[in-house]
mmCIF file of all heavy atoms, coordinates in Angstrom:
data_MODEL
# 
_entry.id   MODEL 
# 
loop_
_atom_site.group_PDB 
_atom_site.id 
_atom_site.type_symbol 
_atom_site.label_atom_id 
_atom_site.label_alt_id 
_atom_site.label_comp_id 
_atom_site.label_asym_id 
_atom_site.label_entity_id 
_atom_site.label_seq_id 
_atom_site.pdbx_PDB_ins_code 
_atom_site.Cartn_x 
_atom_site.Cartn_y 
_atom_site.Cartn_z 
_atom_site.occupancy 
_atom_site.B_iso_or_equiv 
_atom_site.pdbx_formal_charge 
_atom_site.auth_seq_id 
_atom_site.auth_comp_id 
_atom_site.auth_asym_id 
_atom_site.auth_atom_id 
_atom_site.pdbx_PDB_model_num 
ATOM 1   N N   . MET A 1 1  ? 7.226  14.729  -10.495 1.00 0.00 ? 1  MET A N   1 
ATOM 2   C CA  . MET A 1 1  ? 6.140  13.883  -11.083 1.00 0.00 ? 1  MET A CA  1 
ATOM 3   C C   . MET A 1 1  ? 6.557  12.347  -10.884 1.00 0.00 ? 1  MET A C   1 
ATOM 4   O O   . MET A 1 1  ? 5.728  11.576  -10.459 1.00 0.00 ? 1  MET A O   1 
ATOM 5   C CB  . MET A 1 1  ? 5.957  14.114  -12.594 1.00 0.00 ? 1  MET A CB  1 
ATOM 6   C CG  . MET A 1 1  ? 5.125  15.471  -12.780 1.00 0.00 ? 1  MET A CG  1 
ATOM 7   S SD  . MET A 1 1  ? 4.675  15.616  -14.472 1.00 0.00 ? 1  MET A SD  1 
ATOM 8   C CE  . MET A 1 1  ? 6.217  16.141  -15.179 1.00 0.00 ? 1  MET A CE  1 
ATOM 9   N N   . VAL A 1 2  ? 7.816  12.045  -11.058 1.00 0.00 ? 2  VAL A N   1 
ATOM 10  C CA  . VAL A 1 2  ? 8.239  10.689  -10.840 1.00 0.00 ? 2  VAL A CA  1 
ATOM 11  C C   . VAL A 1 2  ? 8.115  10.303  -9.359  1.00 0.00 ? 2  VAL A C   1 
ATOM 12  O O   . VAL A 1 2  ? 7.605  9.238   -9.042  1.00 0.00 ? 2  VAL A O   1 
ATOM 13  C CB  . VAL A 1 2  ? 9.731  10.473  -11.337 1.00 0.00 ? 2  VAL A CB  1 
ATOM 14  C CG1 . VAL A 1 2  ? 10.286 9.173   -10.895 1.00 0.00 ? 2  VAL A CG1 1 
ATOM 15  C CG2 . VAL A 1 2  ? 9.803  10.623  -12.813 1.00 0.00 ? 2  VAL A CG2 1 
ATOM 16  N N   . PHE A 1 3  ? 8.517  11.122  -8.499  1.00 0.00 ? 3  PHE A N   1 
ATOM 17  C CA  . PHE A 1 3  ? 8.505  10.936  -7.023  1.00 0.00 ? 3  PHE A CA  1 
ATOM 18  C C   . PHE A 1 3  ? 7.018  10.794  -6.646  1.00 0.00 ? 3  PHE A C   1 
ATOM 19  O O   . PHE A 1 3  ? 6.654  9.913   -5.819  1.00 0.00 ? 3  PHE A O   1 
ATOM 20  C CB  . PHE A 1 3  ? 9.203  12.054  -6.305  1.00 0.00 ? 3  PHE A CB  1 
ATOM 21  C CG  . PHE A 1 3  ? 9.468  11.719  -4.851  1.00 0.00 ? 3  PHE A CG  1 
ATOM 22  C CD1 . PHE A 1 3  ? 10.310 10.654  -4.494  1.00 0.00 ? 3  PHE A CD1 1 
ATOM 23  C CD2 . PHE A 1 3  ? 8.862  12.504  -3.866  1.00 0.00 ? 3  PHE A CD2 1 
ATOM 24  C CE1 . PHE A 1 3  ? 10.523 10.374  -3.210  1.00 0.00 ? 3  PHE A CE1 1 
ATOM 25  C CE2 . PHE A 1 3  ? 9.109  12.251  -2.515  1.00 0.00 ? 3  PHE A CE2 1 
ATOM 26  C CZ  . PHE A 1 3  ? 9.931  11.187  -2.118  1.00 0.00 ? 3  PHE A CZ  1 
ATOM 27  N N   . ALA A 1 4  ? 6.115  11.641  -7.134  1.00 0.00 ? 4  ALA A N   1 
ATOM 28  C CA  . ALA A 1 4  ? 4.688  11.557  -6.814  1.00 0.00 ? 4  ALA A CA  1 
ATOM 29  C C   . ALA A 1 4  ? 4.066  10.281  -7.365  1.00 0.00 ? 4  ALA A C   1 
ATOM 30  O O   . ALA A 1 4  ? 3.307  9.656   -6.588  1.00 0.00 ? 4  ALA A O   1 
ATOM 31  C CB  . ALA A 1 4  ? 4.009  12.697  -7.435  1.00 0.00 ? 4  ALA A CB  1 
ATOM 32  N N   . ALA A 1 5  ? 4.492  9.851   -8.529  1.00 0.00 ? 5  ALA A N   1 
ATOM 33  C CA  . ALA A 1 5  ? 3.884  8.617   -9.047  1.00 0.00 ? 5  ALA A CA  1 
ATOM 34  C C   . ALA A 1 5  ? 4.367  7.399   -8.211  1.00 0.00 ? 5  ALA A C   1 
ATOM 35  O O   . ALA A 1 5  ? 3.507  6.465   -7.927  1.00 0.00 ? 5  ALA A O   1 
ATOM 36  C CB  . ALA A 1 5  ? 4.366  8.407   -10.562 1.00 0.00 ? 5  ALA A CB  1 
ATOM 37  N N   . LEU A 1 6  ? 5.619  7.425   -7.789  1.00 0.00 ? 6  LEU A N   1 
ATOM 38  C CA  . LEU A 1 6  ? 6.093  6.298   -6.926  1.00 0.00 ? 6  LEU A CA  1 
ATOM 39  C C   . LEU A 1 6  ? 5.461  6.344   -5.588  1.00 0.00 ? 6  LEU A C   1 
ATOM 40  O O   . LEU A 1 6  ? 4.979  5.199   -5.062  1.00 0.00 ? 6  LEU A O   1 
ATOM 41  C CB  . LEU A 1 6  ? 7.610  6.427   -6.738  1.00 0.00 ? 6  LEU A CB  1 
ATOM 42  C CG  . LEU A 1 6  ? 8.459  6.056   -7.871  1.00 0.00 ? 6  LEU A CG  1 
ATOM 43  C CD1 . LEU A 1 6  ? 9.963  6.370   -7.679  1.00 0.00 ? 6  LEU A CD1 1 
ATOM 44  C CD2 . LEU A 1 6  ? 8.305  4.553   -8.299  1.00 0.00 ? 6  LEU A CD2 1 
ATOM 45  N N   . ALA A 1 7  ? 5.288  7.505   -4.981  1.00 0.00 ? 7  ALA A N   1 
ATOM 46  C CA  . ALA A 1 7  ? 4.608  7.540   -3.662  1.00 0.00 ? 7  ALA A CA  1 
ATOM 47  C C   . ALA A 1 7  ? 3.168  7.151   -3.751  1.00 0.00 ? 7  ALA A C   1 
ATOM 48  O O   . ALA A 1 7  ? 2.623  6.416   -2.926  1.00 0.00 ? 7  ALA A O   1 
ATOM 49  C CB  . ALA A 1 7  ? 4.750  8.971   -3.126  1.00 0.00 ? 7  ALA A CB  1 
ATOM 50  N N   . GLY A 1 8  ? 2.450  7.584   -4.811  1.00 0.00 ? 8  GLY A N   1 
ATOM 51  C CA  . GLY A 1 8  ? 1.090  7.192   -4.992  1.00 0.00 ? 8  GLY A CA  1 
ATOM 52  C C   . GLY A 1 8  ? 0.886  5.684   -5.245  1.00 0.00 ? 8  GLY A C   1 
ATOM 53  O O   . GLY A 1 8  ? 0.010  4.996   -4.669  1.00 0.00 ? 8  GLY A O   1 
ATOM 54  N N   . ALA A 1 9  ? 1.845  5.097   -6.049  1.00 0.00 ? 9  ALA A N   1 
ATOM 55  C CA  . ALA A 1 9  ? 1.763  3.634   -6.317  1.00 0.00 ? 9  ALA A CA  1 
ATOM 56  C C   . ALA A 1 9  ? 2.051  2.848   -5.061  1.00 0.00 ? 9  ALA A C   1 
ATOM 57  O O   . ALA A 1 9  ? 1.385  1.866   -4.778  1.00 0.00 ? 9  ALA A O   1 
ATOM 58  C CB  . ALA A 1 9  ? 2.800  3.307   -7.387  1.00 0.00 ? 9  ALA A CB  1 
ATOM 59  N N   . ILE A 1 10 ? 2.989  3.327   -4.227  1.00 0.00 ? 10 ILE A N   1 
ATOM 60  C CA  . ILE A 1 10 ? 3.290  2.579   -3.030  1.00 0.00 ? 10 ILE A CA  1 
ATOM 61  C C   . ILE A 1 10 ? 2.064  2.675   -2.059  1.00 0.00 ? 10 ILE A C   1 
ATOM 62  O O   . ILE A 1 10 ? 1.689  1.672   -1.428  1.00 0.00 ? 10 ILE A O   1 
ATOM 63  C CB  . ILE A 1 10 ? 4.581  3.202   -2.342  1.00 0.00 ? 10 ILE A CB  1 
ATOM 64  C CG1 . ILE A 1 10 ? 5.779  2.763   -3.130  1.00 0.00 ? 10 ILE A CG1 1 
ATOM 65  C CG2 . ILE A 1 10 ? 4.696  2.715   -0.850  1.00 0.00 ? 10 ILE A CG2 1 
ATOM 66  C CD1 . ILE A 1 10 ? 7.045  3.433   -2.752  1.00 0.00 ? 10 ILE A CD1 1 
ATOM 67  N N   . ALA A 1 11 ? 1.509  3.850   -1.955  1.00 0.00 ? 11 ALA A N   1 
ATOM 68  C CA  . ALA A 1 11 ? 0.329  3.974   -1.053  1.00 0.00 ? 11 ALA A CA  1 
ATOM 69  C C   . ALA A 1 11 ? -0.853 3.166   -1.610  1.00 0.00 ? 11 ALA A C   1 
ATOM 70  O O   . ALA A 1 11 ? -1.700 2.650   -0.810  1.00 0.00 ? 11 ALA A O   1 
ATOM 71  C CB  . ALA A 1 11 ? -0.053 5.455   -0.850  1.00 0.00 ? 11 ALA A CB  1 
ATOM 72  N N   . PHE A 1 12 ? -0.991 3.175   -2.873  1.00 0.00 ? 12 PHE A N   1 
ATOM 73  C CA  . PHE A 1 12 ? -2.128 2.379   -3.533  1.00 0.00 ? 12 PHE A CA  1 
ATOM 74  C C   . PHE A 1 12 ? -1.960 0.900   -3.331  1.00 0.00 ? 12 PHE A C   1 
ATOM 75  O O   . PHE A 1 12 ? -2.964 0.187   -3.138  1.00 0.00 ? 12 PHE A O   1 
ATOM 76  C CB  . PHE A 1 12 ? -2.172 2.757   -4.991  1.00 0.00 ? 12 PHE A CB  1 
ATOM 77  C CG  . PHE A 1 12 ? -3.371 2.167   -5.699  1.00 0.00 ? 12 PHE A CG  1 
ATOM 78  C CD1 . PHE A 1 12 ? -4.674 2.712   -5.511  1.00 0.00 ? 12 PHE A CD1 1 
ATOM 79  C CD2 . PHE A 1 12 ? -3.262 1.062   -6.606  1.00 0.00 ? 12 PHE A CD2 1 
ATOM 80  C CE1 . PHE A 1 12 ? -5.719 2.125   -6.085  1.00 0.00 ? 12 PHE A CE1 1 
ATOM 81  C CE2 . PHE A 1 12 ? -4.341 0.531   -7.204  1.00 0.00 ? 12 PHE A CE2 1 
ATOM 82  C CZ  . PHE A 1 12 ? -5.639 1.041   -6.964  1.00 0.00 ? 12 PHE A CZ  1 
ATOM 83  N N   . LEU A 1 13 ? -0.752 0.384   -3.428  1.00 0.00 ? 13 LEU A N   1 
ATOM 84  C CA  . LEU A 1 13 ? -0.509 -1.057  -3.263  1.00 0.00 ? 13 LEU A CA  1 
ATOM 85  C C   . LEU A 1 13 ? -0.179 -1.578  -1.815  1.00 0.00 ? 13 LEU A C   1 
ATOM 86  O O   . LEU A 1 13 ? -0.433 -2.758  -1.515  1.00 0.00 ? 13 LEU A O   1 
ATOM 87  C CB  . LEU A 1 13 ? 0.712  -1.444  -4.192  1.00 0.00 ? 13 LEU A CB  1 
ATOM 88  C CG  . LEU A 1 13 ? 0.456  -1.215  -5.673  1.00 0.00 ? 13 LEU A CG  1 
ATOM 89  C CD1 . LEU A 1 13 ? 1.704  -1.446  -6.475  1.00 0.00 ? 13 LEU A CD1 1 
ATOM 90  C CD2 . LEU A 1 13 ? -0.668 -2.025  -6.172  1.00 0.00 ? 13 LEU A CD2 1 
ATOM 91  N N   . ALA A 1 14 ? 0.357  -0.683  -1.012  1.00 0.00 ? 14 ALA A N   1 
ATOM 92  C CA  . ALA A 1 14 ? 0.744  -1.115  0.312   1.00 0.00 ? 14 ALA A CA  1 
ATOM 93  C C   . ALA A 1 14 ? -0.411 -1.475  1.178   1.00 0.00 ? 14 ALA A C   1 
ATOM 94  O O   . ALA A 1 14 ? -0.355 -2.542  1.922   1.00 0.00 ? 14 ALA A O   1 
ATOM 95  C CB  . ALA A 1 14 ? 1.548  -0.003  1.035   1.00 0.00 ? 14 ALA A CB  1 
ATOM 96  N N   . GLY A 1 15 ? -1.468 -0.726  1.179   1.00 0.00 ? 15 GLY A N   1 
ATOM 97  C CA  . GLY A 1 15 ? -2.690 -1.041  2.057   1.00 0.00 ? 15 GLY A CA  1 
ATOM 98  C C   . GLY A 1 15 ? -3.255 -2.406  1.721   1.00 0.00 ? 15 GLY A C   1 
ATOM 99  O O   . GLY A 1 15 ? -3.490 -3.222  2.574   1.00 0.00 ? 15 GLY A O   1 
ATOM 100 N N   . PRO A 1 16 ? -3.632 -2.633  0.464   1.00 0.00 ? 16 PRO A N   1 
ATOM 101 C CA  . PRO A 1 16 ? -4.289 -3.919  0.148   1.00 0.00 ? 16 PRO A CA  1 
ATOM 102 C C   . PRO A 1 16 ? -3.269 -5.097  0.390   1.00 0.00 ? 16 PRO A C   1 
ATOM 103 O O   . PRO A 1 16 ? -3.708 -6.167  0.817   1.00 0.00 ? 16 PRO A O   1 
ATOM 104 C CB  . PRO A 1 16 ? -4.541 -3.790  -1.408  1.00 0.00 ? 16 PRO A CB  1 
ATOM 105 C CG  . PRO A 1 16 ? -4.730 -2.335  -1.578  1.00 0.00 ? 16 PRO A CG  1 
ATOM 106 C CD  . PRO A 1 16 ? -3.865 -1.725  -0.700  1.00 0.00 ? 16 PRO A CD  1 
ATOM 107 N N   . LEU A 1 17 ? -2.025 -4.901  0.110   1.00 0.00 ? 17 LEU A N   1 
ATOM 108 C CA  . LEU A 1 17 ? -1.011 -6.011  0.351   1.00 0.00 ? 17 LEU A CA  1 
ATOM 109 C C   . LEU A 1 17 ? -0.915 -6.275  1.884   1.00 0.00 ? 17 LEU A C   1 
ATOM 110 O O   . LEU A 1 17 ? -0.986 -7.428  2.255   1.00 0.00 ? 17 LEU A O   1 
ATOM 111 C CB  . LEU A 1 17 ? 0.333  -5.597  -0.186  1.00 0.00 ? 17 LEU A CB  1 
ATOM 112 C CG  . LEU A 1 17 ? 1.457  -6.595  0.056   1.00 0.00 ? 17 LEU A CG  1 
ATOM 113 C CD1 . LEU A 1 17 ? 1.080  -7.844  -0.872  1.00 0.00 ? 17 LEU A CD1 1 
ATOM 114 C CD2 . LEU A 1 17 ? 2.770  -6.003  -0.436  1.00 0.00 ? 17 LEU A CD2 1 
ATOM 115 N N   . LEU A 1 18 ? -0.860 -5.232  2.715   1.00 0.00 ? 18 LEU A N   1 
ATOM 116 C CA  . LEU A 1 18 ? -0.811 -5.452  4.162   1.00 0.00 ? 18 LEU A CA  1 
ATOM 117 C C   . LEU A 1 18 ? -2.166 -6.119  4.584   1.00 0.00 ? 18 LEU A C   1 
ATOM 118 O O   . LEU A 1 18 ? -2.157 -6.968  5.416   1.00 0.00 ? 18 LEU A O   1 
ATOM 119 C CB  . LEU A 1 18 ? -0.668 -4.099  4.817   1.00 0.00 ? 18 LEU A CB  1 
ATOM 120 C CG  . LEU A 1 18 ? 0.806  -3.620  5.042   1.00 0.00 ? 18 LEU A CG  1 
ATOM 121 C CD1 . LEU A 1 18 ? 0.772  -2.214  5.588   1.00 0.00 ? 18 LEU A CD1 1 
ATOM 122 C CD2 . LEU A 1 18 ? 1.548  -4.605  5.946   1.00 0.00 ? 18 LEU A CD2 1 
ATOM 123 N N   . PHE A 1 19 ? -3.258 -5.597  4.108   1.00 0.00 ? 19 PHE A N   1 
ATOM 124 C CA  . PHE A 1 19 ? -4.528 -6.140  4.529   1.00 0.00 ? 19 PHE A CA  1 
ATOM 125 C C   . PHE A 1 19 ? -4.698 -7.678  4.194   1.00 0.00 ? 19 PHE A C   1 
ATOM 126 O O   . PHE A 1 19 ? -5.223 -8.450  4.912   1.00 0.00 ? 19 PHE A O   1 
ATOM 127 C CB  . PHE A 1 19 ? -5.668 -5.313  3.866   1.00 0.00 ? 19 PHE A CB  1 
ATOM 128 C CG  . PHE A 1 19 ? -7.000 -5.635  4.403   1.00 0.00 ? 19 PHE A CG  1 
ATOM 129 C CD1 . PHE A 1 19 ? -7.443 -4.960  5.556   1.00 0.00 ? 19 PHE A CD1 1 
ATOM 130 C CD2 . PHE A 1 19 ? -7.856 -6.547  3.825   1.00 0.00 ? 19 PHE A CD2 1 
ATOM 131 C CE1 . PHE A 1 19 ? -8.664 -5.260  6.108   1.00 0.00 ? 19 PHE A CE1 1 
ATOM 132 C CE2 . PHE A 1 19 ? -9.084 -6.863  4.358   1.00 0.00 ? 19 PHE A CE2 1 
ATOM 133 C CZ  . PHE A 1 19 ? -9.529 -6.221  5.485   1.00 0.00 ? 19 PHE A CZ  1 
ATOM 134 N N   . ALA A 1 20 ? -4.150 -8.016  2.971   1.00 0.00 ? 20 ALA A N   1 
ATOM 135 C CA  . ALA A 1 20 ? -4.263 -9.405  2.583   1.00 0.00 ? 20 ALA A CA  1 
ATOM 136 C C   . ALA A 1 20 ? -3.300 -10.302 3.362   1.00 0.00 ? 20 ALA A C   1 
ATOM 137 O O   . ALA A 1 20 ? -3.607 -11.528 3.481   1.00 0.00 ? 20 ALA A O   1 
ATOM 138 C CB  . ALA A 1 20 ? -3.968 -9.551  1.133   1.00 0.00 ? 20 ALA A CB  1 
ATOM 139 N N   . THR A 1 21 ? -2.238 -9.781  3.876   1.00 0.00 ? 21 THR A N   1 
ATOM 140 C CA  . THR A 1 21 ? -1.255 -10.630 4.542   1.00 0.00 ? 21 THR A CA  1 
ATOM 141 C C   . THR A 1 21 ? -1.439 -10.716 6.074   1.00 0.00 ? 21 THR A C   1 
ATOM 142 O O   . THR A 1 21 ? -1.062 -11.632 6.693   1.00 0.00 ? 21 THR A O   1 
ATOM 143 C CB  . THR A 1 21 ? 0.182  -10.194 4.250   1.00 0.00 ? 21 THR A CB  1 
ATOM 144 O OG1 . THR A 1 21 ? 0.334  -8.821  4.585   1.00 0.00 ? 21 THR A OG1 1 
ATOM 145 C CG2 . THR A 1 21 ? 0.457  -10.424 2.695   1.00 0.00 ? 21 THR A CG2 1 
ATOM 146 N N   . VAL A 1 22 ? -1.915 -9.660  6.663   1.00 0.00 ? 22 VAL A N   1 
ATOM 147 C CA  . VAL A 1 22 ? -2.094 -9.544  8.123   1.00 0.00 ? 22 VAL A CA  1 
ATOM 148 C C   . VAL A 1 22 ? -3.392 -10.307 8.568   1.00 0.00 ? 22 VAL A C   1 
ATOM 149 O O   . VAL A 1 22 ? -4.374 -10.163 7.936   1.00 0.00 ? 22 VAL A O   1 
ATOM 150 C CB  . VAL A 1 22 ? -2.138 -8.096  8.584   1.00 0.00 ? 22 VAL A CB  1 
ATOM 151 C CG1 . VAL A 1 22 ? -2.487 -7.998  10.030  1.00 0.00 ? 22 VAL A CG1 1 
ATOM 152 C CG2 . VAL A 1 22 ? -0.786 -7.487  8.306   1.00 0.00 ? 22 VAL A CG2 1 
ATOM 153 N N   . ARG A 1 23 ? -3.288 -11.117 9.619   1.00 0.00 ? 23 ARG A N   1 
ATOM 154 C CA  . ARG A 1 23 ? -4.418 -11.935 10.060  1.00 0.00 ? 23 ARG A CA  1 
ATOM 155 C C   . ARG A 1 23 ? -5.143 -11.154 11.212  1.00 0.00 ? 23 ARG A C   1 
ATOM 156 O O   . ARG A 1 23 ? -6.284 -11.594 11.541  1.00 0.00 ? 23 ARG A O   1 
ATOM 157 C CB  . ARG A 1 23 ? -3.930 -13.287 10.505  1.00 0.00 ? 23 ARG A CB  1 
ATOM 158 C CG  . ARG A 1 23 ? -3.398 -14.123 9.411   1.00 0.00 ? 23 ARG A CG  1 
ATOM 159 C CD  . ARG A 1 23 ? -4.568 -14.558 8.580   1.00 0.00 ? 23 ARG A CD  1 
ATOM 160 N NE  . ARG A 1 23 ? -4.166 -15.609 7.590   1.00 0.00 ? 23 ARG A NE  1 
ATOM 161 C CZ  . ARG A 1 23 ? -4.955 -16.196 6.853   1.00 0.00 ? 23 ARG A CZ  1 
ATOM 162 N NH1 . ARG A 1 23 ? -6.286 -15.962 6.951   1.00 0.00 ? 23 ARG A NH1 1 
ATOM 163 N NH2 . ARG A 1 23 ? -4.467 -17.104 6.025   1.00 0.00 ? 23 ARG A NH2 1 
ATOM 164 N N   . SER A 1 24 ? -4.534 -10.270 11.914  1.00 0.00 ? 24 SER A N   1 
ATOM 165 C CA  . SER A 1 24 ? -5.127 -9.661  13.028  1.00 0.00 ? 24 SER A CA  1 
ATOM 166 C C   . SER A 1 24 ? -6.362 -8.750  12.644  1.00 0.00 ? 24 SER A C   1 
ATOM 167 O O   . SER A 1 24 ? -6.203 -7.840  11.814  1.00 0.00 ? 24 SER A O   1 
ATOM 168 C CB  . SER A 1 24 ? -4.124 -8.802  13.840  1.00 0.00 ? 24 SER A CB  1 
ATOM 169 O OG  . SER A 1 24 ? -4.704 -7.963  14.775  1.00 0.00 ? 24 SER A OG  1 
ATOM 170 N N   . PRO A 1 25 ? -7.579 -9.045  13.197  1.00 0.00 ? 25 PRO A N   1 
ATOM 171 C CA  . PRO A 1 25 ? -8.655 -8.209  12.817  1.00 0.00 ? 25 PRO A CA  1 
ATOM 172 C C   . PRO A 1 25 ? -8.523 -6.764  13.266  1.00 0.00 ? 25 PRO A C   1 
ATOM 173 O O   . PRO A 1 25 ? -8.987 -5.897  12.662  1.00 0.00 ? 25 PRO A O   1 
ATOM 174 C CB  . PRO A 1 25 ? -9.853 -8.842  13.569  1.00 0.00 ? 25 PRO A CB  1 
ATOM 175 C CG  . PRO A 1 25 ? -9.329 -10.181 14.040  1.00 0.00 ? 25 PRO A CG  1 
ATOM 176 C CD  . PRO A 1 25 ? -7.888 -10.145 14.027  1.00 0.00 ? 25 PRO A CD  1 
ATOM 177 N N   . GLU A 1 26 ? -7.824 -6.508  14.459  1.00 0.00 ? 26 GLU A N   1 
ATOM 178 C CA  . GLU A 1 26 ? -7.596 -5.159  14.870  1.00 0.00 ? 26 GLU A CA  1 
ATOM 179 C C   . GLU A 1 26 ? -6.763 -4.431  13.886  1.00 0.00 ? 26 GLU A C   1 
ATOM 180 O O   . GLU A 1 26 ? -7.002 -3.261  13.576  1.00 0.00 ? 26 GLU A O   1 
ATOM 181 C CB  . GLU A 1 26 ? -7.008 -5.217  16.212  1.00 0.00 ? 26 GLU A CB  1 
ATOM 182 C CG  . GLU A 1 26 ? -7.887 -5.732  17.358  1.00 0.00 ? 26 GLU A CG  1 
ATOM 183 C CD  . GLU A 1 26 ? -7.804 -7.279  17.452  1.00 0.00 ? 26 GLU A CD  1 
ATOM 184 O OE1 . GLU A 1 26 ? -6.896 -7.843  16.844  1.00 0.00 ? 26 GLU A OE1 1 
ATOM 185 O OE2 . GLU A 1 26 ? -8.597 -7.837  18.166  1.00 0.00 ? 26 GLU A OE2 1 
# 
C-alpha cells in the first residue's frame, strides 16, 4: 500500500510538473 501510494503520487504529480516546465509543443 505504501509503495502503491508513492507510485500513484509520483505519476499524478510528474505529468503536470513536466507539462508546466517543458516548452516544446511536441
